[in-house]
Amino acid sequence: MSVVLYGSQSTASLVVHWLLIELGIAHELRQLDFERGEQKSAEFLAINPAGRVPALIMDGQVLTESAAIAMHLADLHPQAGLAPAPGSAARGDYYRWMCFCVYTLMPAYRGWFYPQEPAGELHAEEVKQRARLQLEAAWQQMADHLEARGPYVLGDPLSVVDFMLTMLMRWSRNMPRPTDSWPVLAAHAARMKARPAFTEVYRREGISDWL
């Protein structure tokens, strides 16, 4: 099977790269230089018109959106046990928390990192502070959930939700209240960072922070 991942260091492509390594899927990594605007090049826009990473090409099929790719990879490799069986109660929880990552955490992060987008530079600081409050409330919700249901998001079994969550926790590392300030979130991150595939994805992407 031919697999090519288009990504960029420290972006949402990290979780896909990590899962490819975790699942032992042979692939080619093509890192785009955002400083040079390679994600907006004609060549890449022909692959993903949104001009965003990740983009994964598997035997000619183009897949985008990090959470969607992560779930698809889990379904393609059921032997890894990273997704509950379709139709099970656990599958419902799985969808719930993946959507929590996509619809709650990721938009709030975009508000923090790109506050000028929704309302212009004049209102950027207000947008940023609202995004911070949204993120801290969401992380408190997840901390409460892990306290009650942990050690992983779905309880005892590890799932791709935990990989998504770890990537998103990393994004908070330079914020006023990083996720490491919640002991239960820091413990979850430590378990995930101890996985050999995490060390390997850091090595391949040349990342050295949040260890």
N, C-alpha and C. Protein backbone atom coordinates (compact mmCIF):
# COMPACT_ATOMS: atom_id res chain seq x y z
N MET A 1 0.85 -1.19 0.00
CA MET A 1 0.00 0.00 0.00
C MET A 1 0.88 1.24 0.00
N SER A 2 0.57 2.19 -0.89
CA SER A 2 1.31 3.45 -0.96
C SER A 2 0.67 4.47 -0.03
N VAL A 3 1.46 5.02 0.89
CA VAL A 3 0.95 6.00 1.86
C VAL A 3 1.90 7.19 1.91
N VAL A 4 1.35 8.38 1.68
CA VAL A 4 2.13 9.61 1.75
C VAL A 4 1.42 10.59 2.67
N LEU A 5 2.14 11.11 3.66
CA LEU A 5 1.58 12.11 4.58
C LEU A 5 2.20 13.47 4.31
N TYR A 6 1.35 14.44 4.04
CA TYR A 6 1.77 15.83 3.96
C TYR A 6 1.49 16.47 5.31
N GLY A 7 2.52 17.04 5.91
CA GLY A 7 2.35 17.65 7.22
C GLY A 7 3.30 18.80 7.41
N SER A 8 3.35 19.29 8.64
CA SER A 8 4.29 20.34 9.02
C SER A 8 4.50 20.24 10.52
N GLN A 9 5.70 20.56 10.95
CA GLN A 9 6.07 20.40 12.36
C GLN A 9 5.11 21.13 13.29
N SER A 10 4.67 20.41 14.34
CA SER A 10 3.85 20.97 15.42
C SER A 10 2.44 21.37 15.00
N THR A 11 1.96 20.88 13.87
CA THR A 11 0.60 21.16 13.44
C THR A 11 -0.27 19.93 13.72
N ALA A 12 -1.51 19.97 13.24
CA ALA A 12 -2.44 18.86 13.46
C ALA A 12 -2.01 17.58 12.75
N SER A 13 -1.04 17.68 11.86
CA SER A 13 -0.55 16.46 11.20
C SER A 13 0.22 15.57 12.17
N LEU A 14 0.63 16.11 13.32
CA LEU A 14 1.42 15.33 14.28
C LEU A 14 0.68 14.06 14.70
N VAL A 15 -0.61 14.16 14.98
CA VAL A 15 -1.34 12.99 15.47
C VAL A 15 -1.41 11.90 14.40
N VAL A 16 -1.54 12.30 13.14
CA VAL A 16 -1.58 11.30 12.06
C VAL A 16 -0.21 10.64 11.91
N HIS A 17 0.85 11.42 11.92
CA HIS A 17 2.20 10.88 11.84
C HIS A 17 2.46 9.91 12.99
N TRP A 18 2.05 10.31 14.18
CA TRP A 18 2.23 9.48 15.38
C TRP A 18 1.49 8.15 15.21
N LEU A 19 0.26 8.19 14.74
CA LEU A 19 -0.52 6.95 14.57
C LEU A 19 0.05 6.06 13.47
N LEU A 20 0.56 6.65 12.40
CA LEU A 20 1.19 5.84 11.37
C LEU A 20 2.35 5.03 11.94
N ILE A 21 3.13 5.68 12.80
CA ILE A 21 4.25 4.99 13.46
C ILE A 21 3.73 3.97 14.46
N GLU A 22 2.77 4.37 15.28
CA GLU A 22 2.19 3.48 16.30
C GLU A 22 1.64 2.20 15.66
N LEU A 23 1.00 2.34 14.52
CA LEU A 23 0.37 1.20 13.85
C LEU A 23 1.31 0.45 12.91
N GLY A 24 2.53 0.93 12.78
CA GLY A 24 3.50 0.26 11.93
C GLY A 24 3.19 0.36 10.46
N ILE A 25 2.59 1.48 10.03
CA ILE A 25 2.22 1.66 8.62
C ILE A 25 3.38 2.35 7.88
N ALA A 26 3.94 1.67 6.92
CA ALA A 26 5.02 2.26 6.13
C ALA A 26 4.48 3.47 5.36
N HIS A 27 5.23 4.55 5.37
CA HIS A 27 4.74 5.77 4.74
C HIS A 27 5.90 6.69 4.37
N GLU A 28 5.60 7.63 3.50
CA GLU A 28 6.53 8.69 3.16
C GLU A 28 6.02 9.98 3.78
N LEU A 29 6.89 10.70 4.47
CA LEU A 29 6.51 11.98 5.09
C LEU A 29 7.03 13.13 4.24
N ARG A 30 6.13 14.02 3.87
CA ARG A 30 6.51 15.22 3.14
C ARG A 30 6.14 16.43 3.99
N GLN A 31 7.14 17.03 4.61
CA GLN A 31 6.92 18.18 5.48
C GLN A 31 6.89 19.46 4.65
N LEU A 32 5.84 20.25 4.84
CA LEU A 32 5.71 21.51 4.13
C LEU A 32 6.26 22.65 4.98
N ASP A 33 6.92 23.59 4.34
CA ASP A 33 7.48 24.75 5.01
C ASP A 33 6.44 25.88 5.00
N PHE A 34 5.81 26.09 6.16
CA PHE A 34 4.77 27.13 6.24
C PHE A 34 5.37 28.52 6.10
N GLU A 35 6.61 28.71 6.52
CA GLU A 35 7.25 30.02 6.39
C GLU A 35 7.33 30.43 4.92
N ARG A 36 7.50 29.45 4.06
CA ARG A 36 7.59 29.73 2.62
C ARG A 36 6.23 29.59 1.94
N GLY A 37 5.20 29.30 2.71
CA GLY A 37 3.86 29.21 2.16
C GLY A 37 3.62 28.00 1.28
N GLU A 38 4.36 26.91 1.54
CA GLU A 38 4.22 25.73 0.68
C GLU A 38 2.84 25.09 0.78
N GLN A 39 2.14 25.34 1.90
CA GLN A 39 0.79 24.78 2.04
C GLN A 39 -0.21 25.49 1.12
N LYS A 40 0.18 26.62 0.57
CA LYS A 40 -0.68 27.36 -0.37
C LYS A 40 -0.18 27.27 -1.81
N SER A 41 0.79 26.41 -2.05
CA SER A 41 1.33 26.24 -3.40
C SER A 41 0.29 25.56 -4.29
N ALA A 42 0.41 25.78 -5.58
CA ALA A 42 -0.53 25.16 -6.52
C ALA A 42 -0.47 23.64 -6.43
N GLU A 43 0.73 23.12 -6.21
CA GLU A 43 0.90 21.66 -6.11
C GLU A 43 0.11 21.09 -4.94
N PHE A 44 0.22 21.76 -3.77
CA PHE A 44 -0.49 21.22 -2.61
C PHE A 44 -1.98 21.52 -2.66
N LEU A 45 -2.35 22.68 -3.17
CA LEU A 45 -3.78 23.00 -3.27
C LEU A 45 -4.51 22.04 -4.20
N ALA A 46 -3.79 21.43 -5.12
CA ALA A 46 -4.40 20.41 -5.97
C ALA A 46 -4.72 19.15 -5.18
N ILE A 47 -4.01 18.97 -4.05
CA ILE A 47 -4.25 17.82 -3.17
C ILE A 47 -5.31 18.18 -2.13
N ASN A 48 -5.14 19.31 -1.47
CA ASN A 48 -6.12 19.78 -0.50
C ASN A 48 -6.41 21.26 -0.75
N PRO A 49 -7.53 21.56 -1.38
CA PRO A 49 -7.86 22.95 -1.72
C PRO A 49 -7.96 23.87 -0.50
N ALA A 50 -8.13 23.30 0.68
CA ALA A 50 -8.18 24.13 1.89
C ALA A 50 -6.81 24.67 2.26
N GLY A 51 -5.75 24.08 1.71
CA GLY A 51 -4.40 24.56 2.01
C GLY A 51 -3.98 24.31 3.44
N ARG A 52 -4.44 23.19 4.00
CA ARG A 52 -4.12 22.85 5.38
C ARG A 52 -3.57 21.42 5.45
N VAL A 53 -2.81 21.18 6.49
CA VAL A 53 -2.35 19.82 6.77
C VAL A 53 -3.11 19.31 8.01
N PRO A 54 -3.23 17.98 8.12
CA PRO A 54 -2.61 16.95 7.30
C PRO A 54 -3.41 16.66 6.04
N ALA A 55 -2.71 16.06 5.10
CA ALA A 55 -3.34 15.42 3.95
C ALA A 55 -2.65 14.08 3.80
N LEU A 56 -3.42 13.02 3.78
CA LEU A 56 -2.87 11.67 3.69
C LEU A 56 -3.36 11.04 2.39
N ILE A 57 -2.44 10.55 1.60
CA ILE A 57 -2.80 9.87 0.37
C ILE A 57 -2.53 8.38 0.55
N MET A 58 -3.60 7.59 0.47
CA MET A 58 -3.48 6.14 0.63
C MET A 58 -3.98 5.48 -0.65
N ASP A 59 -3.05 4.89 -1.38
CA ASP A 59 -3.39 4.24 -2.65
C ASP A 59 -4.24 5.14 -3.55
N GLY A 60 -3.86 6.42 -3.60
CA GLY A 60 -4.53 7.36 -4.49
C GLY A 60 -5.69 8.11 -3.86
N GLN A 61 -6.21 7.64 -2.73
CA GLN A 61 -7.31 8.34 -2.07
C GLN A 61 -6.75 9.45 -1.18
N VAL A 62 -7.27 10.65 -1.33
CA VAL A 62 -6.84 11.79 -0.51
C VAL A 62 -7.74 11.90 0.71
N LEU A 63 -7.13 11.90 1.88
CA LEU A 63 -7.86 12.05 3.14
C LEU A 63 -7.36 13.31 3.83
N THR A 64 -8.29 14.10 4.36
CA THR A 64 -7.93 15.30 5.11
C THR A 64 -8.69 15.30 6.44
N GLU A 65 -8.37 16.26 7.30
CA GLU A 65 -8.95 16.43 8.63
C GLU A 65 -8.35 15.39 9.59
N SER A 66 -7.58 15.88 10.54
CA SER A 66 -6.80 15.00 11.42
C SER A 66 -7.65 13.98 12.16
N ALA A 67 -8.78 14.39 12.72
CA ALA A 67 -9.61 13.45 13.48
C ALA A 67 -10.20 12.38 12.58
N ALA A 68 -10.65 12.78 11.39
CA ALA A 68 -11.21 11.82 10.45
C ALA A 68 -10.17 10.79 10.03
N ILE A 69 -8.95 11.25 9.75
CA ILE A 69 -7.88 10.34 9.37
C ILE A 69 -7.56 9.39 10.51
N ALA A 70 -7.48 9.93 11.73
CA ALA A 70 -7.16 9.10 12.90
C ALA A 70 -8.19 7.99 13.08
N MET A 71 -9.47 8.32 12.95
CA MET A 71 -10.51 7.31 13.11
C MET A 71 -10.45 6.28 12.00
N HIS A 72 -10.17 6.74 10.78
CA HIS A 72 -10.09 5.82 9.65
C HIS A 72 -8.93 4.84 9.83
N LEU A 73 -7.78 5.34 10.29
CA LEU A 73 -6.63 4.47 10.52
C LEU A 73 -6.95 3.41 11.57
N ALA A 74 -7.66 3.82 12.62
CA ALA A 74 -8.03 2.87 13.67
C ALA A 74 -8.94 1.78 13.12
N ASP A 75 -9.88 2.17 12.26
CA ASP A 75 -10.80 1.19 11.67
C ASP A 75 -10.09 0.26 10.69
N LEU A 76 -9.07 0.76 10.01
CA LEU A 76 -8.32 -0.07 9.08
C LEU A 76 -7.44 -1.10 9.78
N HIS A 77 -7.17 -0.85 11.06
CA HIS A 77 -6.27 -1.73 11.83
C HIS A 77 -6.94 -2.12 13.15
N PRO A 78 -8.04 -2.86 13.06
CA PRO A 78 -8.79 -3.21 14.28
C PRO A 78 -7.98 -4.03 15.27
N GLN A 79 -6.96 -4.74 14.78
CA GLN A 79 -6.15 -5.57 15.68
C GLN A 79 -5.42 -4.73 16.73
N ALA A 80 -5.24 -3.44 16.46
CA ALA A 80 -4.56 -2.56 17.41
C ALA A 80 -5.47 -2.17 18.58
N GLY A 81 -6.78 -2.32 18.40
CA GLY A 81 -7.72 -2.02 19.48
C GLY A 81 -7.84 -0.55 19.83
N LEU A 82 -7.63 0.33 18.87
CA LEU A 82 -7.65 1.77 19.16
C LEU A 82 -9.01 2.42 18.93
N ALA A 83 -10.03 1.61 18.60
CA ALA A 83 -11.40 2.12 18.45
C ALA A 83 -12.37 1.03 18.88
N PRO A 84 -13.42 1.39 19.63
CA PRO A 84 -14.42 0.40 20.04
C PRO A 84 -15.20 -0.13 18.84
N ALA A 85 -15.84 -1.24 19.02
CA ALA A 85 -16.62 -1.86 17.95
C ALA A 85 -17.78 -0.97 17.54
N PRO A 86 -18.04 -0.84 16.23
CA PRO A 86 -19.19 -0.06 15.77
C PRO A 86 -20.49 -0.59 16.39
N GLY A 87 -21.35 0.34 16.82
CA GLY A 87 -22.62 -0.04 17.41
C GLY A 87 -22.58 -0.27 18.90
N SER A 88 -21.38 -0.34 19.49
CA SER A 88 -21.27 -0.56 20.93
C SER A 88 -21.48 0.75 21.69
N ALA A 89 -21.78 0.64 22.99
CA ALA A 89 -21.93 1.83 23.82
C ALA A 89 -20.62 2.62 23.87
N ALA A 90 -19.52 1.89 23.91
CA ALA A 90 -18.22 2.55 23.94
C ALA A 90 -17.96 3.35 22.67
N ARG A 91 -18.52 2.87 21.54
CA ARG A 91 -18.35 3.59 20.28
C ARG A 91 -19.04 4.95 20.36
N GLY A 92 -20.17 5.00 21.04
CA GLY A 92 -20.85 6.28 21.23
C GLY A 92 -20.00 7.25 22.02
N ASP A 93 -19.35 6.76 23.10
CA ASP A 93 -18.45 7.60 23.87
C ASP A 93 -17.26 8.05 23.02
N TYR A 94 -16.78 7.16 22.21
CA TYR A 94 -15.65 7.43 21.31
C TYR A 94 -15.99 8.60 20.37
N TYR A 95 -17.16 8.53 19.73
CA TYR A 95 -17.59 9.63 18.87
C TYR A 95 -17.74 10.93 19.66
N ARG A 96 -18.30 10.81 20.84
CA ARG A 96 -18.53 12.01 21.67
C ARG A 96 -17.21 12.74 21.93
N TRP A 97 -16.19 12.01 22.36
CA TRP A 97 -14.95 12.67 22.75
C TRP A 97 -14.10 13.08 21.56
N MET A 98 -14.19 12.35 20.45
CA MET A 98 -13.51 12.83 19.25
C MET A 98 -14.14 14.14 18.79
N CYS A 99 -15.46 14.23 18.86
CA CYS A 99 -16.13 15.47 18.48
C CYS A 99 -15.85 16.59 19.48
N PHE A 100 -15.64 16.26 20.72
CA PHE A 100 -15.23 17.24 21.72
C PHE A 100 -13.89 17.87 21.30
N CYS A 101 -12.97 17.03 20.84
CA CYS A 101 -11.69 17.55 20.36
C CYS A 101 -11.88 18.47 19.15
N VAL A 102 -12.75 18.05 18.23
CA VAL A 102 -12.92 18.77 16.96
C VAL A 102 -13.77 20.02 17.11
N TYR A 103 -14.86 19.93 17.88
CA TYR A 103 -15.83 21.04 17.93
C TYR A 103 -15.65 21.98 19.11
N THR A 104 -14.96 21.51 20.16
CA THR A 104 -14.77 22.36 21.34
C THR A 104 -13.33 22.85 21.45
N LEU A 105 -12.38 21.93 21.48
CA LEU A 105 -10.99 22.32 21.71
C LEU A 105 -10.35 23.00 20.50
N MET A 106 -10.47 22.40 19.34
CA MET A 106 -9.75 22.94 18.17
C MET A 106 -10.23 24.34 17.76
N PRO A 107 -11.54 24.62 17.74
CA PRO A 107 -11.95 25.99 17.42
C PRO A 107 -11.46 27.02 18.45
N ALA A 108 -11.45 26.62 19.72
CA ALA A 108 -10.97 27.54 20.75
C ALA A 108 -9.48 27.81 20.58
N TYR A 109 -8.74 26.79 20.24
CA TYR A 109 -7.31 27.01 19.96
C TYR A 109 -7.12 27.95 18.77
N ARG A 110 -7.95 27.80 17.75
CA ARG A 110 -7.82 28.70 16.60
C ARG A 110 -8.09 30.14 17.02
N GLY A 111 -9.07 30.32 17.93
CA GLY A 111 -9.32 31.65 18.44
C GLY A 111 -8.15 32.22 19.22
N TRP A 112 -7.41 31.34 19.91
CA TRP A 112 -6.24 31.78 20.68
C TRP A 112 -5.07 32.13 19.76
N PHE A 113 -4.78 31.25 18.81
CA PHE A 113 -3.61 31.43 17.96
C PHE A 113 -3.84 32.41 16.80
N TYR A 114 -5.09 32.53 16.36
CA TYR A 114 -5.41 33.42 15.23
C TYR A 114 -6.60 34.31 15.60
N PRO A 115 -6.47 35.13 16.64
CA PRO A 115 -7.62 35.89 17.15
C PRO A 115 -8.13 36.97 16.20
N GLN A 116 -7.32 37.35 15.23
CA GLN A 116 -7.75 38.39 14.29
C GLN A 116 -8.72 37.86 13.24
N GLU A 117 -8.81 36.54 13.09
CA GLU A 117 -9.63 35.97 12.01
C GLU A 117 -11.13 36.29 12.12
N PRO A 118 -11.76 36.07 13.29
CA PRO A 118 -13.21 36.24 13.31
C PRO A 118 -13.69 37.69 13.30
N ALA A 119 -12.91 38.62 13.85
CA ALA A 119 -13.43 39.98 14.00
C ALA A 119 -12.41 41.08 13.74
N GLY A 120 -11.27 40.74 13.14
CA GLY A 120 -10.28 41.75 12.81
C GLY A 120 -9.34 42.07 13.96
N GLU A 121 -8.27 42.80 13.64
CA GLU A 121 -7.24 43.12 14.63
C GLU A 121 -7.79 43.92 15.80
N LEU A 122 -8.79 44.77 15.54
CA LEU A 122 -9.32 45.64 16.59
C LEU A 122 -9.87 44.84 17.77
N HIS A 123 -10.42 43.66 17.49
CA HIS A 123 -11.05 42.86 18.55
C HIS A 123 -10.25 41.61 18.88
N ALA A 124 -9.01 41.54 18.40
CA ALA A 124 -8.21 40.32 18.55
C ALA A 124 -7.97 39.95 20.01
N GLU A 125 -7.68 40.94 20.83
CA GLU A 125 -7.36 40.63 22.23
C GLU A 125 -8.58 40.07 22.96
N GLU A 126 -9.75 40.61 22.69
CA GLU A 126 -10.97 40.10 23.31
C GLU A 126 -11.24 38.67 22.86
N VAL A 127 -11.07 38.41 21.57
CA VAL A 127 -11.26 37.05 21.06
C VAL A 127 -10.29 36.09 21.73
N LYS A 128 -9.06 36.51 21.88
CA LYS A 128 -8.03 35.65 22.47
C LYS A 128 -8.38 35.31 23.91
N GLN A 129 -8.82 36.28 24.67
CA GLN A 129 -9.16 36.03 26.07
C GLN A 129 -10.39 35.15 26.20
N ARG A 130 -11.36 35.32 25.32
CA ARG A 130 -12.53 34.44 25.35
C ARG A 130 -12.13 33.01 25.00
N ALA A 131 -11.21 32.88 24.05
CA ALA A 131 -10.73 31.55 23.67
C ALA A 131 -10.00 30.89 24.84
N ARG A 132 -9.24 31.68 25.57
CA ARG A 132 -8.54 31.13 26.75
C ARG A 132 -9.55 30.59 27.75
N LEU A 133 -10.60 31.35 28.03
CA LEU A 133 -11.61 30.90 28.99
C LEU A 133 -12.30 29.63 28.50
N GLN A 134 -12.59 29.56 27.21
CA GLN A 134 -13.22 28.38 26.64
C GLN A 134 -12.32 27.15 26.79
N LEU A 135 -11.04 27.34 26.51
CA LEU A 135 -10.10 26.24 26.62
C LEU A 135 -9.96 25.76 28.06
N GLU A 136 -9.83 26.68 28.98
CA GLU A 136 -9.65 26.28 30.37
C GLU A 136 -10.90 25.58 30.91
N ALA A 137 -12.07 26.02 30.49
CA ALA A 137 -13.30 25.34 30.90
C ALA A 137 -13.37 23.94 30.30
N ALA A 138 -12.97 23.81 29.04
CA ALA A 138 -12.99 22.50 28.39
C ALA A 138 -11.99 21.55 29.02
N TRP A 139 -10.81 22.06 29.35
CA TRP A 139 -9.81 21.19 29.97
C TRP A 139 -10.23 20.79 31.38
N GLN A 140 -10.94 21.68 32.06
CA GLN A 140 -11.47 21.30 33.38
C GLN A 140 -12.49 20.17 33.23
N GLN A 141 -13.33 20.26 32.20
CA GLN A 141 -14.30 19.21 31.94
C GLN A 141 -13.60 17.87 31.68
N MET A 142 -12.54 17.90 30.88
CA MET A 142 -11.82 16.67 30.60
C MET A 142 -11.10 16.15 31.84
N ALA A 143 -10.55 17.05 32.64
CA ALA A 143 -9.89 16.63 33.88
C ALA A 143 -10.89 15.94 34.81
N ASP A 144 -12.08 16.50 34.93
CA ASP A 144 -13.11 15.89 35.77
C ASP A 144 -13.49 14.51 35.24
N HIS A 145 -13.59 14.40 33.91
CA HIS A 145 -13.94 13.12 33.30
C HIS A 145 -12.87 12.07 33.58
N LEU A 146 -11.61 12.44 33.41
CA LEU A 146 -10.53 11.48 33.64
C LEU A 146 -10.43 11.08 35.11
N GLU A 147 -10.72 12.01 36.00
CA GLU A 147 -10.73 11.68 37.43
C GLU A 147 -11.77 10.60 37.71
N ALA A 148 -12.90 10.71 37.05
CA ALA A 148 -14.01 9.78 37.31
C ALA A 148 -13.92 8.50 36.50
N ARG A 149 -13.36 8.59 35.27
CA ARG A 149 -13.45 7.45 34.34
C ARG A 149 -12.12 6.95 33.82
N GLY A 150 -11.01 7.56 34.19
CA GLY A 150 -9.70 7.25 33.61
C GLY A 150 -9.27 5.81 33.81
N PRO A 151 -8.04 5.49 33.46
CA PRO A 151 -6.93 6.41 33.17
C PRO A 151 -6.96 7.03 31.77
N TYR A 152 -7.67 6.37 30.81
CA TYR A 152 -7.78 6.93 29.47
C TYR A 152 -9.18 7.49 29.28
N VAL A 153 -9.39 8.16 28.18
CA VAL A 153 -10.67 8.84 27.97
C VAL A 153 -11.84 7.86 27.97
N LEU A 154 -11.64 6.67 27.41
CA LEU A 154 -12.70 5.67 27.38
C LEU A 154 -12.58 4.68 28.53
N GLY A 155 -11.78 5.01 29.53
CA GLY A 155 -11.61 4.13 30.68
C GLY A 155 -10.29 3.40 30.60
N ASP A 156 -10.34 2.07 30.69
CA ASP A 156 -9.10 1.29 30.62
C ASP A 156 -8.53 1.19 29.21
N PRO A 157 -9.34 1.01 28.17
CA PRO A 157 -8.72 0.84 26.85
C PRO A 157 -8.19 2.15 26.28
N LEU A 158 -7.02 2.04 25.71
CA LEU A 158 -6.45 3.16 24.96
C LEU A 158 -7.19 3.29 23.64
N SER A 159 -7.39 4.52 23.17
CA SER A 159 -8.05 4.74 21.88
C SER A 159 -7.41 5.92 21.18
N VAL A 160 -7.80 6.14 19.91
CA VAL A 160 -7.23 7.27 19.18
C VAL A 160 -7.64 8.60 19.81
N VAL A 161 -8.69 8.61 20.63
CA VAL A 161 -9.04 9.84 21.33
C VAL A 161 -7.87 10.31 22.18
N ASP A 162 -7.18 9.38 22.82
CA ASP A 162 -6.06 9.74 23.69
C ASP A 162 -4.91 10.34 22.89
N PHE A 163 -4.71 9.88 21.66
CA PHE A 163 -3.67 10.45 20.81
C PHE A 163 -4.05 11.89 20.41
N MET A 164 -5.30 12.09 20.02
CA MET A 164 -5.78 13.44 19.68
C MET A 164 -5.63 14.36 20.88
N LEU A 165 -6.07 13.87 22.03
CA LEU A 165 -6.05 14.70 23.24
C LEU A 165 -4.63 15.11 23.60
N THR A 166 -3.69 14.19 23.47
CA THR A 166 -2.30 14.50 23.81
C THR A 166 -1.75 15.58 22.90
N MET A 167 -2.02 15.48 21.60
CA MET A 167 -1.57 16.52 20.69
C MET A 167 -2.15 17.88 21.09
N LEU A 168 -3.43 17.90 21.45
CA LEU A 168 -4.07 19.16 21.81
C LEU A 168 -3.57 19.68 23.15
N MET A 169 -3.23 18.79 24.07
CA MET A 169 -2.62 19.24 25.32
C MET A 169 -1.28 19.91 25.05
N ARG A 170 -0.54 19.37 24.12
CA ARG A 170 0.76 19.96 23.78
C ARG A 170 0.60 21.40 23.29
N TRP A 171 -0.47 21.66 22.56
CA TRP A 171 -0.68 23.00 22.03
C TRP A 171 -0.81 24.05 23.13
N SER A 172 -1.13 23.65 24.33
CA SER A 172 -1.31 24.60 25.43
C SER A 172 0.00 24.94 26.15
N ARG A 173 1.10 24.36 25.71
CA ARG A 173 2.33 24.39 26.52
C ARG A 173 2.83 25.79 26.83
N ASN A 174 2.55 26.78 25.97
CA ASN A 174 3.01 28.15 26.21
C ASN A 174 1.88 29.09 26.60
N MET A 175 0.72 28.53 26.95
CA MET A 175 -0.42 29.35 27.35
C MET A 175 -0.32 29.72 28.82
N PRO A 176 -1.10 30.71 29.27
CA PRO A 176 -1.04 31.12 30.69
C PRO A 176 -1.32 29.96 31.65
N ARG A 177 -2.26 29.08 31.28
CA ARG A 177 -2.51 27.89 32.10
C ARG A 177 -2.41 26.64 31.21
N PRO A 178 -1.21 26.08 31.09
CA PRO A 178 -1.06 24.88 30.27
C PRO A 178 -1.75 23.69 30.92
N THR A 179 -2.05 22.68 30.13
CA THR A 179 -2.77 21.52 30.68
C THR A 179 -1.97 20.80 31.74
N ASP A 180 -0.65 20.94 31.74
CA ASP A 180 0.16 20.29 32.76
C ASP A 180 -0.16 20.79 34.17
N SER A 181 -0.88 21.91 34.27
CA SER A 181 -1.23 22.43 35.60
C SER A 181 -2.38 21.64 36.23
N TRP A 182 -3.07 20.80 35.44
CA TRP A 182 -4.06 19.86 35.99
C TRP A 182 -3.34 18.53 36.21
N PRO A 183 -3.18 18.07 37.43
CA PRO A 183 -2.42 16.83 37.67
C PRO A 183 -2.91 15.64 36.86
N VAL A 184 -4.22 15.47 36.73
CA VAL A 184 -4.74 14.31 36.02
C VAL A 184 -4.45 14.40 34.53
N LEU A 185 -4.44 15.61 33.97
CA LEU A 185 -4.08 15.78 32.56
C LEU A 185 -2.59 15.55 32.36
N ALA A 186 -1.79 16.04 33.29
CA ALA A 186 -0.34 15.82 33.21
C ALA A 186 -0.02 14.34 33.29
N ALA A 187 -0.74 13.60 34.12
CA ALA A 187 -0.51 12.15 34.25
C ALA A 187 -0.89 11.42 32.96
N HIS A 188 -2.00 11.85 32.36
CA HIS A 188 -2.42 11.24 31.09
C HIS A 188 -1.36 11.51 30.02
N ALA A 189 -0.90 12.74 29.94
CA ALA A 189 0.11 13.08 28.94
C ALA A 189 1.39 12.29 29.17
N ALA A 190 1.77 12.11 30.42
CA ALA A 190 2.99 11.35 30.72
C ALA A 190 2.89 9.91 30.24
N ARG A 191 1.70 9.31 30.41
CA ARG A 191 1.50 7.93 29.92
C ARG A 191 1.64 7.87 28.41
N MET A 192 1.08 8.85 27.73
CA MET A 192 1.13 8.85 26.27
C MET A 192 2.54 9.16 25.76
N LYS A 193 3.23 10.08 26.42
CA LYS A 193 4.58 10.44 26.00
C LYS A 193 5.58 9.32 26.25
N ALA A 194 5.22 8.38 27.11
CA ALA A 194 6.10 7.24 27.38
C ALA A 194 6.05 6.18 26.27
N ARG A 195 5.11 6.31 25.35
CA ARG A 195 4.98 5.33 24.28
C ARG A 195 6.14 5.50 23.28
N PRO A 196 6.75 4.40 22.85
CA PRO A 196 7.88 4.50 21.92
C PRO A 196 7.56 5.28 20.65
N ALA A 197 6.32 5.17 20.14
CA ALA A 197 5.98 5.88 18.92
C ALA A 197 6.00 7.39 19.11
N PHE A 198 5.72 7.85 20.33
CA PHE A 198 5.79 9.29 20.60
C PHE A 198 7.24 9.77 20.49
N THR A 199 8.15 9.02 21.09
CA THR A 199 9.56 9.36 21.00
C THR A 199 10.02 9.38 19.55
N GLU A 200 9.53 8.41 18.77
CA GLU A 200 9.95 8.30 17.38
C GLU A 200 9.38 9.43 16.52
N VAL A 201 8.13 9.82 16.74
CA VAL A 201 7.57 10.91 15.94
C VAL A 201 8.27 12.22 16.27
N TYR A 202 8.65 12.41 17.52
CA TYR A 202 9.43 13.59 17.89
C TYR A 202 10.78 13.58 17.16
N ARG A 203 11.42 12.42 17.13
CA ARG A 203 12.73 12.32 16.47
C ARG A 203 12.61 12.65 14.99
N ARG A 204 11.59 12.07 14.35
CA ARG A 204 11.46 12.27 12.90
C ARG A 204 11.08 13.71 12.54
N GLU A 205 10.35 14.38 13.42
CA GLU A 205 9.93 15.75 13.11
C GLU A 205 10.87 16.80 13.69
N GLY A 206 11.84 16.35 14.47
CA GLY A 206 12.81 17.29 15.04
C GLY A 206 12.22 18.17 16.11
N ILE A 207 11.31 17.61 16.93
CA ILE A 207 10.66 18.37 18.00
C ILE A 207 11.38 18.04 19.32
N SER A 208 11.60 19.04 20.13
CA SER A 208 12.33 18.81 21.40
C SER A 208 11.64 19.43 22.62
N ASP A 209 10.48 20.05 22.44
CA ASP A 209 9.83 20.67 23.60
C ASP A 209 8.75 19.74 24.18
N TRP A 210 8.23 20.10 25.33
CA TRP A 210 7.13 19.40 26.01
C TRP A 210 7.45 17.90 26.16
N LEU A 211 8.61 17.62 26.74
CA LEU A 211 9.00 16.23 26.95
C LEU A 211 8.69 15.80 28.38
